Amino acid sequence: MKRLFVWLLLGIFTVGAVSAQPRNTDRSRWKSAKKKAKELVSEGWKVDGSRSLEDLLFQHYQKLSDENNQELVSNVIGNTSVQTLNQALQWAATSACVSYAKQARQMVLGRITEEFGAGVANSPSVDNFYEGYESRVAKEINGELKKSFAVFREKKEGGFDYMAFYLINEESASNARMRALERQIQESEFARENAEKISEFVREGFLIESVE
């Protein structure tokens, strides 16, 4: 009886150990996280925060496994006047919003050019629509940018280089773009006349490029 009890305990511990093992996809992401963390550390980057870089990257990669999430990396590197980490973070957030808005504008411009032709797409009245739409998207997307983590490194001449890694959910981003369009329609005759078609373009997602 005693021997049977011992074997039962061993069986429980063995099952527990197996169930605690990470799935293959998790192990793959963990390896990728460790590799990327090693690269960043070798380049002199440090985490802006208290958690380990490996853990932050692993969590970041897990969230990116959701096809509705995209990554936007905002780089504040080079000849900038950033002197504090808080200033760097604000700069990175602003750059990320502006970059996303420019990409949203380019996507709509491309679709309008395909649909209406270059002559219409590049007319002064439509240019005004693009500019207004871009400005409004930059404001609307601000609340949808979710900072995953950030890294920094000190520059020899003083100040910091900074990289902020953001996640953008496409459903939330699409809603933000539509809010921007709805506001811009009120000021653009071209947008009012073609609201249904332009709304289709605005709802279309696009692959986000990082901020250089």
N, C-alpha and C. Protein backbone atom coordinates (compact mmCIF):
# COMPACT_ATOMS: atom_id res chain seq x y z
N MET A 1 0.83 -1.21 0.00
CA MET A 1 0.00 0.00 0.00
C MET A 1 0.86 1.25 0.00
N LYS A 2 1.90 1.22 0.86
CA LYS A 2 2.81 2.36 0.94
C LYS A 2 3.50 2.57 -0.40
N ARG A 3 3.92 1.46 -1.04
CA ARG A 3 4.60 1.56 -2.33
C ARG A 3 3.66 2.13 -3.39
N LEU A 4 2.39 1.72 -3.35
CA LEU A 4 1.41 2.23 -4.30
C LEU A 4 1.23 3.73 -4.13
N PHE A 5 1.21 4.18 -2.87
CA PHE A 5 1.04 5.62 -2.59
C PHE A 5 2.21 6.42 -3.16
N VAL A 6 3.42 5.87 -3.01
CA VAL A 6 4.61 6.52 -3.54
C VAL A 6 4.53 6.65 -5.05
N TRP A 7 4.11 5.60 -5.71
CA TRP A 7 4.01 5.62 -7.18
C TRP A 7 2.94 6.61 -7.64
N LEU A 8 1.86 6.72 -6.89
CA LEU A 8 0.82 7.70 -7.23
C LEU A 8 1.36 9.12 -7.14
N LEU A 9 2.14 9.37 -6.08
CA LEU A 9 2.74 10.70 -5.93
C LEU A 9 3.69 11.01 -7.08
N LEU A 10 4.50 10.03 -7.45
CA LEU A 10 5.44 10.22 -8.57
C LEU A 10 4.68 10.53 -9.85
N GLY A 11 3.55 9.81 -10.04
CA GLY A 11 2.76 10.04 -11.24
C GLY A 11 2.20 11.44 -11.29
N ILE A 12 1.74 11.93 -10.12
CA ILE A 12 1.20 13.29 -10.06
C ILE A 12 2.26 14.31 -10.39
N PHE A 13 3.46 14.18 -9.79
CA PHE A 13 4.55 15.11 -10.04
C PHE A 13 4.99 15.08 -11.49
N THR A 14 5.00 13.87 -12.07
CA THR A 14 5.42 13.74 -13.47
C THR A 14 4.44 14.45 -14.40
N VAL A 15 3.13 14.23 -14.16
CA VAL A 15 2.11 14.90 -14.97
C VAL A 15 2.20 16.39 -14.82
N GLY A 16 2.42 16.85 -13.57
CA GLY A 16 2.54 18.29 -13.33
C GLY A 16 3.72 18.88 -14.05
N ALA A 17 4.85 18.16 -14.07
CA ALA A 17 6.05 18.66 -14.75
C ALA A 17 5.82 18.75 -16.25
N VAL A 18 5.12 17.74 -16.81
CA VAL A 18 4.86 17.74 -18.24
C VAL A 18 3.93 18.87 -18.61
N SER A 19 2.86 19.08 -17.79
CA SER A 19 1.89 20.12 -18.11
C SER A 19 2.50 21.51 -17.98
N ALA A 20 3.56 21.64 -17.15
CA ALA A 20 4.20 22.94 -16.96
C ALA A 20 5.15 23.27 -18.10
N GLN A 21 5.46 22.28 -18.91
CA GLN A 21 6.37 22.52 -20.03
C GLN A 21 5.74 23.51 -21.01
N PRO A 22 6.48 24.51 -21.51
CA PRO A 22 5.92 25.45 -22.49
C PRO A 22 5.62 24.76 -23.80
N ARG A 23 4.61 25.23 -24.48
CA ARG A 23 4.29 24.67 -25.79
C ARG A 23 5.42 24.97 -26.77
N ASN A 24 5.44 24.24 -27.89
CA ASN A 24 6.50 24.43 -28.87
C ASN A 24 6.55 25.86 -29.38
N THR A 25 5.36 26.45 -29.63
CA THR A 25 5.33 27.83 -30.12
C THR A 25 5.90 28.79 -29.09
N ASP A 26 5.61 28.54 -27.80
CA ASP A 26 6.14 29.39 -26.75
C ASP A 26 7.66 29.26 -26.65
N ARG A 27 8.14 28.05 -26.80
CA ARG A 27 9.60 27.84 -26.75
C ARG A 27 10.28 28.56 -27.90
N SER A 28 9.64 28.51 -29.07
CA SER A 28 10.20 29.19 -30.23
C SER A 28 10.24 30.70 -30.01
N ARG A 29 9.17 31.25 -29.45
CA ARG A 29 9.14 32.69 -29.18
C ARG A 29 10.17 33.06 -28.11
N TRP A 30 10.34 32.17 -27.13
CA TRP A 30 11.31 32.45 -26.07
C TRP A 30 12.73 32.48 -26.65
N LYS A 31 13.02 31.56 -27.56
CA LYS A 31 14.34 31.56 -28.21
C LYS A 31 14.54 32.83 -29.02
N SER A 32 13.49 33.23 -29.74
CA SER A 32 13.57 34.46 -30.54
C SER A 32 13.77 35.67 -29.63
N ALA A 33 13.07 35.67 -28.49
CA ALA A 33 13.19 36.78 -27.54
C ALA A 33 14.61 36.86 -26.98
N LYS A 34 15.17 35.72 -26.63
CA LYS A 34 16.54 35.70 -26.09
C LYS A 34 17.55 36.17 -27.13
N LYS A 35 17.35 35.74 -28.38
CA LYS A 35 18.26 36.12 -29.45
C LYS A 35 18.20 37.63 -29.70
N LYS A 36 16.97 38.17 -29.78
CA LYS A 36 16.81 39.60 -30.01
C LYS A 36 17.35 40.41 -28.84
N ALA A 37 17.10 39.94 -27.63
CA ALA A 37 17.60 40.64 -26.44
C ALA A 37 19.12 40.70 -26.45
N LYS A 38 19.75 39.60 -26.83
CA LYS A 38 21.21 39.54 -26.90
C LYS A 38 21.74 40.55 -27.91
N GLU A 39 21.05 40.65 -29.06
CA GLU A 39 21.47 41.60 -30.09
C GLU A 39 21.38 43.04 -29.58
N LEU A 40 20.27 43.36 -28.92
CA LEU A 40 20.06 44.72 -28.43
C LEU A 40 21.09 45.07 -27.35
N VAL A 41 21.32 44.13 -26.45
CA VAL A 41 22.30 44.38 -25.38
C VAL A 41 23.69 44.58 -25.96
N SER A 42 24.04 43.80 -26.97
CA SER A 42 25.36 43.94 -27.60
C SER A 42 25.53 45.30 -28.28
N GLU A 43 24.40 45.93 -28.65
CA GLU A 43 24.43 47.24 -29.26
C GLU A 43 24.35 48.37 -28.23
N GLY A 44 24.33 47.99 -26.95
CA GLY A 44 24.35 48.99 -25.89
C GLY A 44 22.99 49.41 -25.36
N TRP A 45 21.93 48.72 -25.74
CA TRP A 45 20.59 49.10 -25.31
C TRP A 45 20.28 48.54 -23.92
N LYS A 46 19.53 49.33 -23.14
CA LYS A 46 19.06 48.92 -21.82
C LYS A 46 17.56 49.13 -21.75
N VAL A 47 16.90 48.36 -20.88
CA VAL A 47 15.45 48.46 -20.75
C VAL A 47 15.08 49.72 -19.99
N ASP A 48 14.08 50.43 -20.50
CA ASP A 48 13.52 51.55 -19.76
C ASP A 48 12.42 50.99 -18.86
N GLY A 49 12.83 50.45 -17.72
CA GLY A 49 11.90 49.80 -16.81
C GLY A 49 12.63 48.79 -15.95
N SER A 50 11.87 48.00 -15.21
CA SER A 50 12.48 47.07 -14.25
C SER A 50 12.47 45.62 -14.69
N ARG A 51 11.67 45.25 -15.69
CA ARG A 51 11.59 43.86 -16.11
C ARG A 51 12.74 43.53 -17.05
N SER A 52 13.02 42.23 -17.18
CA SER A 52 14.11 41.81 -18.06
C SER A 52 13.72 41.98 -19.51
N LEU A 53 14.70 42.23 -20.35
CA LEU A 53 14.45 42.42 -21.78
C LEU A 53 13.91 41.15 -22.41
N GLU A 54 14.42 39.99 -21.97
CA GLU A 54 13.93 38.73 -22.52
C GLU A 54 12.43 38.55 -22.26
N ASP A 55 12.00 38.85 -21.02
CA ASP A 55 10.58 38.70 -20.68
C ASP A 55 9.71 39.66 -21.48
N LEU A 56 10.17 40.89 -21.63
CA LEU A 56 9.41 41.90 -22.36
C LEU A 56 9.26 41.52 -23.83
N LEU A 57 10.33 41.05 -24.43
CA LEU A 57 10.28 40.63 -25.83
C LEU A 57 9.40 39.40 -26.01
N PHE A 58 9.49 38.47 -25.09
CA PHE A 58 8.67 37.26 -25.16
C PHE A 58 7.19 37.63 -25.11
N GLN A 59 6.82 38.49 -24.18
CA GLN A 59 5.44 38.93 -24.06
C GLN A 59 5.00 39.69 -25.32
N HIS A 60 5.92 40.50 -25.85
CA HIS A 60 5.65 41.27 -27.07
C HIS A 60 5.37 40.32 -28.24
N TYR A 61 6.21 39.29 -28.40
CA TYR A 61 6.03 38.33 -29.49
C TYR A 61 4.73 37.54 -29.33
N GLN A 62 4.37 37.23 -28.09
CA GLN A 62 3.12 36.52 -27.86
C GLN A 62 1.92 37.35 -28.34
N LYS A 63 1.95 38.65 -28.05
CA LYS A 63 0.85 39.52 -28.46
C LYS A 63 0.82 39.67 -29.98
N LEU A 64 1.98 39.65 -30.60
CA LEU A 64 2.04 39.76 -32.06
C LEU A 64 1.54 38.49 -32.75
N SER A 65 1.40 37.40 -32.00
CA SER A 65 0.86 36.18 -32.60
C SER A 65 -0.62 36.36 -32.94
N ASP A 66 -1.26 37.35 -32.34
CA ASP A 66 -2.62 37.71 -32.69
C ASP A 66 -2.57 38.47 -34.01
N GLU A 67 -3.20 37.95 -35.04
CA GLU A 67 -3.10 38.54 -36.37
C GLU A 67 -3.71 39.95 -36.44
N ASN A 68 -4.47 40.33 -35.43
CA ASN A 68 -5.05 41.67 -35.40
C ASN A 68 -4.08 42.71 -34.86
N ASN A 69 -2.96 42.26 -34.30
CA ASN A 69 -1.96 43.18 -33.75
C ASN A 69 -0.80 43.37 -34.71
N GLN A 70 -0.33 44.61 -34.80
CA GLN A 70 0.87 44.91 -35.57
C GLN A 70 1.85 45.68 -34.69
N GLU A 71 3.10 45.62 -35.09
CA GLU A 71 4.17 46.29 -34.36
C GLU A 71 4.55 47.59 -35.06
N LEU A 72 4.78 48.62 -34.26
CA LEU A 72 5.34 49.87 -34.77
C LEU A 72 6.49 50.25 -33.84
N VAL A 73 7.70 50.29 -34.40
CA VAL A 73 8.89 50.66 -33.61
C VAL A 73 9.24 52.09 -33.92
N SER A 74 9.26 52.93 -32.90
CA SER A 74 9.58 54.34 -33.07
C SER A 74 11.01 54.59 -32.61
N ASN A 75 11.86 54.98 -33.56
CA ASN A 75 13.28 55.19 -33.26
C ASN A 75 13.59 56.67 -33.06
N VAL A 76 14.12 56.98 -31.89
CA VAL A 76 14.60 58.34 -31.61
C VAL A 76 16.11 58.22 -31.49
N ILE A 77 16.76 58.24 -32.64
CA ILE A 77 18.19 57.92 -32.70
C ILE A 77 18.90 58.97 -33.54
N GLY A 78 20.11 59.32 -33.10
CA GLY A 78 20.93 60.21 -33.92
C GLY A 78 20.96 61.63 -33.40
N ASN A 79 20.85 62.58 -34.31
CA ASN A 79 20.98 63.99 -33.95
C ASN A 79 19.69 64.55 -33.38
N THR A 80 19.36 64.14 -32.18
CA THR A 80 18.19 64.67 -31.48
C THR A 80 18.65 65.39 -30.22
N SER A 81 17.77 66.20 -29.68
CA SER A 81 18.11 66.97 -28.48
C SER A 81 17.55 66.33 -27.22
N VAL A 82 17.24 65.05 -27.27
CA VAL A 82 16.65 64.36 -26.14
C VAL A 82 17.66 64.27 -24.99
N GLN A 83 17.28 64.77 -23.84
CA GLN A 83 18.18 64.78 -22.69
C GLN A 83 17.68 63.93 -21.52
N THR A 84 16.39 63.57 -21.52
CA THR A 84 15.83 62.74 -20.45
C THR A 84 15.02 61.61 -21.06
N LEU A 85 14.83 60.55 -20.29
CA LEU A 85 14.06 59.41 -20.79
C LEU A 85 12.59 59.77 -20.98
N ASN A 86 12.06 60.61 -20.13
CA ASN A 86 10.67 61.03 -20.29
C ASN A 86 10.49 61.82 -21.58
N GLN A 87 11.44 62.70 -21.85
CA GLN A 87 11.40 63.46 -23.10
C GLN A 87 11.52 62.53 -24.30
N ALA A 88 12.37 61.52 -24.18
CA ALA A 88 12.55 60.55 -25.27
C ALA A 88 11.26 59.78 -25.53
N LEU A 89 10.58 59.38 -24.47
CA LEU A 89 9.33 58.64 -24.62
C LEU A 89 8.27 59.50 -25.31
N GLN A 90 8.17 60.75 -24.92
CA GLN A 90 7.20 61.65 -25.55
C GLN A 90 7.51 61.84 -27.03
N TRP A 91 8.80 62.00 -27.33
CA TRP A 91 9.23 62.17 -28.72
C TRP A 91 8.86 60.92 -29.52
N ALA A 92 9.13 59.74 -28.95
CA ALA A 92 8.85 58.48 -29.64
C ALA A 92 7.35 58.33 -29.90
N ALA A 93 6.53 58.67 -28.91
CA ALA A 93 5.08 58.54 -29.07
C ALA A 93 4.56 59.47 -30.16
N THR A 94 5.06 60.71 -30.17
CA THR A 94 4.65 61.67 -31.20
C THR A 94 5.06 61.18 -32.58
N SER A 95 6.30 60.71 -32.69
CA SER A 95 6.80 60.21 -33.98
C SER A 95 5.98 59.03 -34.47
N ALA A 96 5.58 58.15 -33.54
CA ALA A 96 4.80 56.98 -33.91
C ALA A 96 3.43 57.41 -34.47
N CYS A 97 2.79 58.36 -33.82
CA CYS A 97 1.48 58.84 -34.29
C CYS A 97 1.59 59.49 -35.66
N VAL A 98 2.61 60.34 -35.83
CA VAL A 98 2.81 61.03 -37.10
C VAL A 98 3.11 60.04 -38.21
N SER A 99 3.97 59.06 -37.91
CA SER A 99 4.33 58.05 -38.91
C SER A 99 3.11 57.24 -39.33
N TYR A 100 2.31 56.81 -38.35
CA TYR A 100 1.13 56.02 -38.67
C TYR A 100 0.17 56.83 -39.54
N ALA A 101 -0.02 58.11 -39.20
CA ALA A 101 -0.93 58.96 -39.95
C ALA A 101 -0.45 59.15 -41.39
N LYS A 102 0.85 59.31 -41.58
CA LYS A 102 1.40 59.45 -42.93
C LYS A 102 1.15 58.19 -43.75
N GLN A 103 1.32 57.03 -43.11
CA GLN A 103 1.09 55.77 -43.82
C GLN A 103 -0.39 55.58 -44.15
N ALA A 104 -1.25 56.01 -43.23
CA ALA A 104 -2.70 55.94 -43.50
C ALA A 104 -3.06 56.85 -44.68
N ARG A 105 -2.45 58.02 -44.73
CA ARG A 105 -2.68 58.95 -45.85
C ARG A 105 -2.22 58.32 -47.16
N GLN A 106 -1.03 57.74 -47.16
CA GLN A 106 -0.49 57.15 -48.38
C GLN A 106 -1.35 56.00 -48.89
N MET A 107 -1.89 55.23 -47.97
CA MET A 107 -2.75 54.12 -48.37
C MET A 107 -4.01 54.65 -49.05
N VAL A 108 -4.65 55.66 -48.46
CA VAL A 108 -5.86 56.23 -49.04
C VAL A 108 -5.56 56.91 -50.37
N LEU A 109 -4.44 57.63 -50.42
CA LEU A 109 -4.04 58.29 -51.66
C LEU A 109 -3.89 57.27 -52.79
N GLY A 110 -3.24 56.16 -52.48
CA GLY A 110 -3.05 55.12 -53.49
C GLY A 110 -4.36 54.54 -53.98
N ARG A 111 -5.30 54.31 -53.06
CA ARG A 111 -6.58 53.74 -53.45
C ARG A 111 -7.42 54.73 -54.24
N ILE A 112 -7.36 56.01 -53.85
CA ILE A 112 -8.11 57.03 -54.58
C ILE A 112 -7.53 57.20 -55.98
N THR A 113 -6.22 57.13 -56.10
CA THR A 113 -5.58 57.23 -57.42
C THR A 113 -6.04 56.09 -58.31
N GLU A 114 -6.11 54.87 -57.76
CA GLU A 114 -6.57 53.72 -58.52
C GLU A 114 -8.02 53.89 -58.97
N GLU A 115 -8.84 54.43 -58.08
CA GLU A 115 -10.27 54.52 -58.34
C GLU A 115 -10.64 55.70 -59.23
N PHE A 116 -10.04 56.87 -58.97
CA PHE A 116 -10.46 58.09 -59.66
C PHE A 116 -9.45 58.62 -60.67
N GLY A 117 -8.21 58.10 -60.63
CA GLY A 117 -7.20 58.58 -61.54
C GLY A 117 -6.31 59.63 -60.91
N ALA A 118 -5.10 59.77 -61.44
CA ALA A 118 -4.10 60.67 -60.85
C ALA A 118 -4.54 62.12 -60.91
N GLY A 119 -5.28 62.50 -61.96
CA GLY A 119 -5.70 63.89 -62.10
C GLY A 119 -6.57 64.33 -60.95
N VAL A 120 -7.52 63.50 -60.58
CA VAL A 120 -8.41 63.81 -59.45
C VAL A 120 -7.66 63.68 -58.14
N ALA A 121 -6.89 62.60 -58.02
CA ALA A 121 -6.23 62.29 -56.75
C ALA A 121 -5.23 63.36 -56.33
N ASN A 122 -4.68 64.09 -57.29
CA ASN A 122 -3.67 65.10 -56.97
C ASN A 122 -4.16 66.53 -57.17
N SER A 123 -5.48 66.71 -57.22
CA SER A 123 -6.02 68.06 -57.35
C SER A 123 -5.90 68.80 -56.01
N PRO A 124 -5.87 70.13 -56.03
CA PRO A 124 -5.72 70.91 -54.78
C PRO A 124 -6.77 70.58 -53.73
N SER A 125 -8.03 70.43 -54.13
CA SER A 125 -9.09 70.16 -53.16
C SER A 125 -8.90 68.80 -52.48
N VAL A 126 -8.41 67.82 -53.25
CA VAL A 126 -8.18 66.49 -52.68
C VAL A 126 -6.92 66.51 -51.81
N ASP A 127 -5.93 67.29 -52.21
CA ASP A 127 -4.74 67.44 -51.37
C ASP A 127 -5.12 67.98 -49.99
N ASN A 128 -6.04 68.91 -49.96
CA ASN A 128 -6.51 69.44 -48.67
C ASN A 128 -7.18 68.36 -47.84
N PHE A 129 -7.91 67.48 -48.53
CA PHE A 129 -8.54 66.36 -47.82
C PHE A 129 -7.48 65.47 -47.20
N TYR A 130 -6.43 65.13 -47.97
CA TYR A 130 -5.36 64.27 -47.46
C TYR A 130 -4.71 64.88 -46.23
N GLU A 131 -4.38 66.16 -46.31
CA GLU A 131 -3.70 66.83 -45.21
C GLU A 131 -4.55 66.84 -43.95
N GLY A 132 -5.83 67.15 -44.12
CA GLY A 132 -6.72 67.16 -42.96
C GLY A 132 -6.91 65.78 -42.38
N TYR A 133 -7.05 64.79 -43.25
CA TYR A 133 -7.24 63.41 -42.80
C TYR A 133 -6.01 62.94 -42.03
N GLU A 134 -4.82 63.20 -42.57
CA GLU A 134 -3.58 62.81 -41.90
C GLU A 134 -3.49 63.43 -40.52
N SER A 135 -3.78 64.71 -40.42
CA SER A 135 -3.70 65.41 -39.13
C SER A 135 -4.67 64.80 -38.12
N ARG A 136 -5.87 64.48 -38.56
CA ARG A 136 -6.86 63.92 -37.65
C ARG A 136 -6.53 62.48 -37.25
N VAL A 137 -5.97 61.72 -38.18
CA VAL A 137 -5.56 60.35 -37.83
C VAL A 137 -4.48 60.38 -36.76
N ALA A 138 -3.54 61.31 -36.89
CA ALA A 138 -2.46 61.42 -35.90
C ALA A 138 -3.02 61.66 -34.50
N LYS A 139 -4.09 62.44 -34.41
CA LYS A 139 -4.70 62.70 -33.10
C LYS A 139 -5.50 61.50 -32.62
N GLU A 140 -6.26 60.88 -33.52
CA GLU A 140 -7.13 59.78 -33.13
C GLU A 140 -6.36 58.51 -32.77
N ILE A 141 -5.25 58.27 -33.45
CA ILE A 141 -4.50 57.02 -33.21
C ILE A 141 -3.72 57.07 -31.91
N ASN A 142 -3.53 58.25 -31.38
CA ASN A 142 -2.73 58.40 -30.15
C ASN A 142 -3.25 57.50 -29.02
N GLY A 143 -4.56 57.46 -28.86
CA GLY A 143 -5.12 56.64 -27.79
C GLY A 143 -5.10 55.15 -28.07
N GLU A 144 -4.81 54.77 -29.31
CA GLU A 144 -4.80 53.35 -29.69
C GLU A 144 -3.39 52.75 -29.70
N LEU A 145 -2.37 53.60 -29.59
CA LEU A 145 -1.00 53.10 -29.52
C LEU A 145 -0.74 52.50 -28.13
N LYS A 146 -0.37 51.26 -28.06
CA LYS A 146 -0.10 50.61 -26.78
C LYS A 146 1.40 50.30 -26.67
N LYS A 147 2.07 51.03 -25.80
CA LYS A 147 3.52 50.81 -25.66
C LYS A 147 3.76 49.45 -25.02
N SER A 148 4.53 48.62 -25.70
CA SER A 148 4.87 47.31 -25.19
C SER A 148 6.08 47.41 -24.26
N PHE A 149 7.13 48.04 -24.75
CA PHE A 149 8.32 48.29 -23.94
C PHE A 149 9.22 49.26 -24.69
N ALA A 150 10.28 49.71 -24.04
CA ALA A 150 11.22 50.64 -24.66
C ALA A 150 12.63 50.38 -24.16
N VAL A 151 13.59 50.72 -24.99
CA VAL A 151 14.99 50.58 -24.62
C VAL A 151 15.72 51.91 -24.90
N PHE A 152 16.83 52.12 -24.22
CA PHE A 152 17.59 53.35 -24.41
C PHE A 152 19.08 53.07 -24.31
N ARG A 153 19.88 54.01 -24.78
CA ARG A 153 21.31 53.96 -24.57
C ARG A 153 21.83 55.40 -24.50
N GLU A 154 22.82 55.60 -23.66
CA GLU A 154 23.38 56.93 -23.49
C GLU A 154 24.37 57.22 -24.62
N LYS A 155 24.35 58.48 -25.08
CA LYS A 155 25.26 58.91 -26.14
C LYS A 155 26.49 59.54 -25.52
N LYS A 156 27.61 59.40 -26.19
CA LYS A 156 28.88 59.93 -25.68
C LYS A 156 28.82 61.43 -25.46
N GLU A 157 28.11 62.11 -26.36
CA GLU A 157 28.02 63.57 -26.26
C GLU A 157 26.94 64.03 -25.30
N GLY A 158 26.27 63.07 -24.65
CA GLY A 158 25.19 63.39 -23.74
C GLY A 158 23.83 63.14 -24.36
N GLY A 159 22.83 62.92 -23.52
CA GLY A 159 21.51 62.60 -24.03
C GLY A 159 21.33 61.12 -24.31
N PHE A 160 20.25 60.79 -24.98
CA PHE A 160 19.90 59.39 -25.17
C PHE A 160 19.44 59.09 -26.60
N ASP A 161 19.71 57.85 -27.01
CA ASP A 161 19.00 57.24 -28.12
C ASP A 161 17.88 56.42 -27.50
N TYR A 162 16.78 56.25 -28.22
CA TYR A 162 15.61 55.61 -27.62
C TYR A 162 14.85 54.84 -28.69
N MET A 163 14.34 53.68 -28.34
CA MET A 163 13.47 52.90 -29.22
C MET A 163 12.26 52.44 -28.42
N ALA A 164 11.08 52.80 -28.88
CA ALA A 164 9.84 52.38 -28.23
C ALA A 164 9.10 51.40 -29.14
N PHE A 165 8.70 50.28 -28.59
CA PHE A 165 7.99 49.25 -29.33
C PHE A 165 6.50 49.32 -28.98
N TYR A 166 5.69 49.60 -29.99
CA TYR A 166 4.25 49.74 -29.79
C TYR A 166 3.49 48.60 -30.47
N LEU A 167 2.30 48.35 -29.94
CA LEU A 167 1.36 47.43 -30.56
C LEU A 167 0.12 48.21 -30.98
N ILE A 168 -0.37 47.94 -32.19
CA ILE A 168 -1.58 48.57 -32.69
C ILE A 168 -2.56 47.47 -33.11
N ASN A 169 -3.73 47.47 -32.49
CA ASN A 169 -4.78 46.52 -32.85
C ASN A 169 -5.54 47.08 -34.05
N GLU A 170 -5.66 46.30 -35.11
CA GLU A 170 -6.24 46.81 -36.36
C GLU A 170 -7.70 47.21 -36.19
N GLU A 171 -8.46 46.50 -35.39
CA GLU A 171 -9.86 46.88 -35.19
C GLU A 171 -9.96 48.27 -34.56
N SER A 172 -9.14 48.50 -33.52
CA SER A 172 -9.14 49.81 -32.86
C SER A 172 -8.61 50.88 -33.80
N ALA A 173 -7.57 50.54 -34.57
CA ALA A 173 -6.99 51.51 -35.50
C ALA A 173 -7.97 51.87 -36.60
N SER A 174 -8.73 50.89 -37.09
CA SER A 174 -9.73 51.14 -38.12
C SER A 174 -10.80 52.10 -37.60
N ASN A 175 -11.20 51.89 -36.36
CA ASN A 175 -12.18 52.80 -35.75
C ASN A 175 -11.62 54.21 -35.64
N ALA A 176 -10.35 54.32 -35.30
CA ALA A 176 -9.71 55.64 -35.19
C ALA A 176 -9.66 56.32 -36.55
N ARG A 177 -9.33 55.57 -37.59
CA ARG A 177 -9.28 56.14 -38.94
C ARG A 177 -10.68 56.60 -39.38
N MET A 178 -11.69 55.84 -39.04
CA MET A 178 -13.05 56.21 -39.41
C MET A 178 -13.50 57.46 -38.67
N ARG A 179 -13.11 57.60 -37.41
CA ARG A 179 -13.44 58.82 -36.67
C ARG A 179 -12.79 60.03 -37.34
N ALA A 180 -11.54 59.85 -37.77
CA ALA A 180 -10.83 60.93 -38.46
C ALA A 180 -11.54 61.29 -39.76
N LEU A 181 -11.97 60.28 -40.51
CA LEU A 181 -12.65 60.52 -41.77
C LEU A 181 -13.97 61.25 -41.54
N GLU A 182 -14.75 60.80 -40.56
CA GLU A 182 -16.05 61.42 -40.29
C GLU A 182 -15.90 62.90 -39.97
N ARG A 183 -14.86 63.25 -39.25
CA ARG A 183 -14.63 64.66 -38.94
C ARG A 183 -14.17 65.43 -40.17
N GLN A 184 -13.36 64.78 -41.00
CA GLN A 184 -12.85 65.45 -42.18
C GLN A 184 -13.91 65.63 -43.26
N ILE A 185 -14.87 64.73 -43.31
CA ILE A 185 -15.94 64.83 -44.30
C ILE A 185 -16.68 66.16 -44.17
N GLN A 186 -16.80 66.64 -42.96
CA GLN A 186 -17.50 67.89 -42.72
C GLN A 186 -16.81 69.08 -43.39
N GLU A 187 -15.52 68.94 -43.68
CA GLU A 187 -14.76 70.07 -44.22
C GLU A 187 -14.32 69.85 -45.67
N SER A 188 -14.61 68.69 -46.23
CA SER A 188 -14.13 68.38 -47.58
C SER A 188 -15.30 68.01 -48.49
N GLU A 189 -15.52 68.81 -49.52
CA GLU A 189 -16.58 68.53 -50.47
C GLU A 189 -16.31 67.23 -51.22
N PHE A 190 -15.04 67.02 -51.60
CA PHE A 190 -14.67 65.78 -52.29
C PHE A 190 -15.01 64.57 -51.42
N ALA A 191 -14.70 64.66 -50.13
CA ALA A 191 -14.97 63.53 -49.23
C ALA A 191 -16.47 63.32 -49.06
N ARG A 192 -17.24 64.39 -49.00
CA ARG A 192 -18.69 64.24 -48.86
C ARG A 192 -19.30 63.58 -50.10
N GLU A 193 -18.83 63.99 -51.26
CA GLU A 193 -19.38 63.46 -52.51
C GLU A 193 -19.01 61.99 -52.73
N ASN A 194 -17.90 61.57 -52.13
CA ASN A 194 -17.40 60.20 -52.35
C ASN A 194 -17.23 59.46 -51.02
N ALA A 195 -18.07 59.80 -50.05
CA ALA A 195 -17.92 59.28 -48.69
C ALA A 195 -17.96 57.76 -48.63
N GLU A 196 -18.88 57.14 -49.38
CA GLU A 196 -19.03 55.68 -49.31
C GLU A 196 -17.77 54.98 -49.81
N LYS A 197 -17.26 55.43 -50.95
CA LYS A 197 -16.08 54.79 -51.52
C LYS A 197 -14.85 55.04 -50.66
N ILE A 198 -14.66 56.27 -50.20
CA ILE A 198 -13.49 56.58 -49.37
C ILE A 198 -13.56 55.83 -48.05
N SER A 199 -14.77 55.64 -47.52
CA SER A 199 -14.91 54.87 -46.27
C SER A 199 -14.40 53.45 -46.46
N GLU A 200 -14.66 52.88 -47.63
CA GLU A 200 -14.15 51.52 -47.93
C GLU A 200 -12.62 51.52 -47.86
N PHE A 201 -12.00 52.54 -48.45
CA PHE A 201 -10.54 52.60 -48.46
C PHE A 201 -9.99 52.75 -47.04
N VAL A 202 -10.64 53.62 -46.27
CA VAL A 202 -10.16 53.91 -44.91
C VAL A 202 -10.26 52.67 -44.02
N ARG A 203 -11.29 51.86 -44.24
CA ARG A 203 -11.45 50.65 -43.42
C ARG A 203 -10.40 49.59 -43.75
N GLU A 204 -9.83 49.66 -44.94
CA GLU A 204 -8.82 48.67 -45.33
C GLU A 204 -7.59 48.80 -44.44
N GLY A 205 -7.10 47.69 -43.98
CA GLY A 205 -5.87 47.72 -43.20
C GLY A 205 -4.64 47.84 -44.09
N PHE A 206 -3.50 48.07 -43.48
CA PHE A 206 -2.25 48.13 -44.23
C PHE A 206 -1.11 47.69 -43.31
N LEU A 207 -0.03 47.25 -43.92
CA LEU A 207 1.14 46.82 -43.16
C LEU A 207 1.88 48.04 -42.65
N ILE A 208 2.08 48.10 -41.37
CA ILE A 208 2.74 49.26 -40.74
C ILE A 208 4.25 49.15 -40.88
N GLU A 209 4.87 50.26 -41.22
CA GLU A 209 6.33 50.34 -41.26
C GLU A 209 6.82 51.10 -40.03
N SER A 210 8.00 50.74 -39.56
CA SER A 210 8.54 51.39 -38.36
C SER A 210 9.06 52.78 -38.66
N VAL A 211 9.17 53.60 -37.62
CA VAL A 211 9.65 54.96 -37.74
C VAL A 211 11.16 54.95 -37.84
N GLU A 212 11.70 55.54 -38.89
CA GLU A 212 13.16 55.61 -39.04
C GLU A 212 13.71 56.84 -38.32
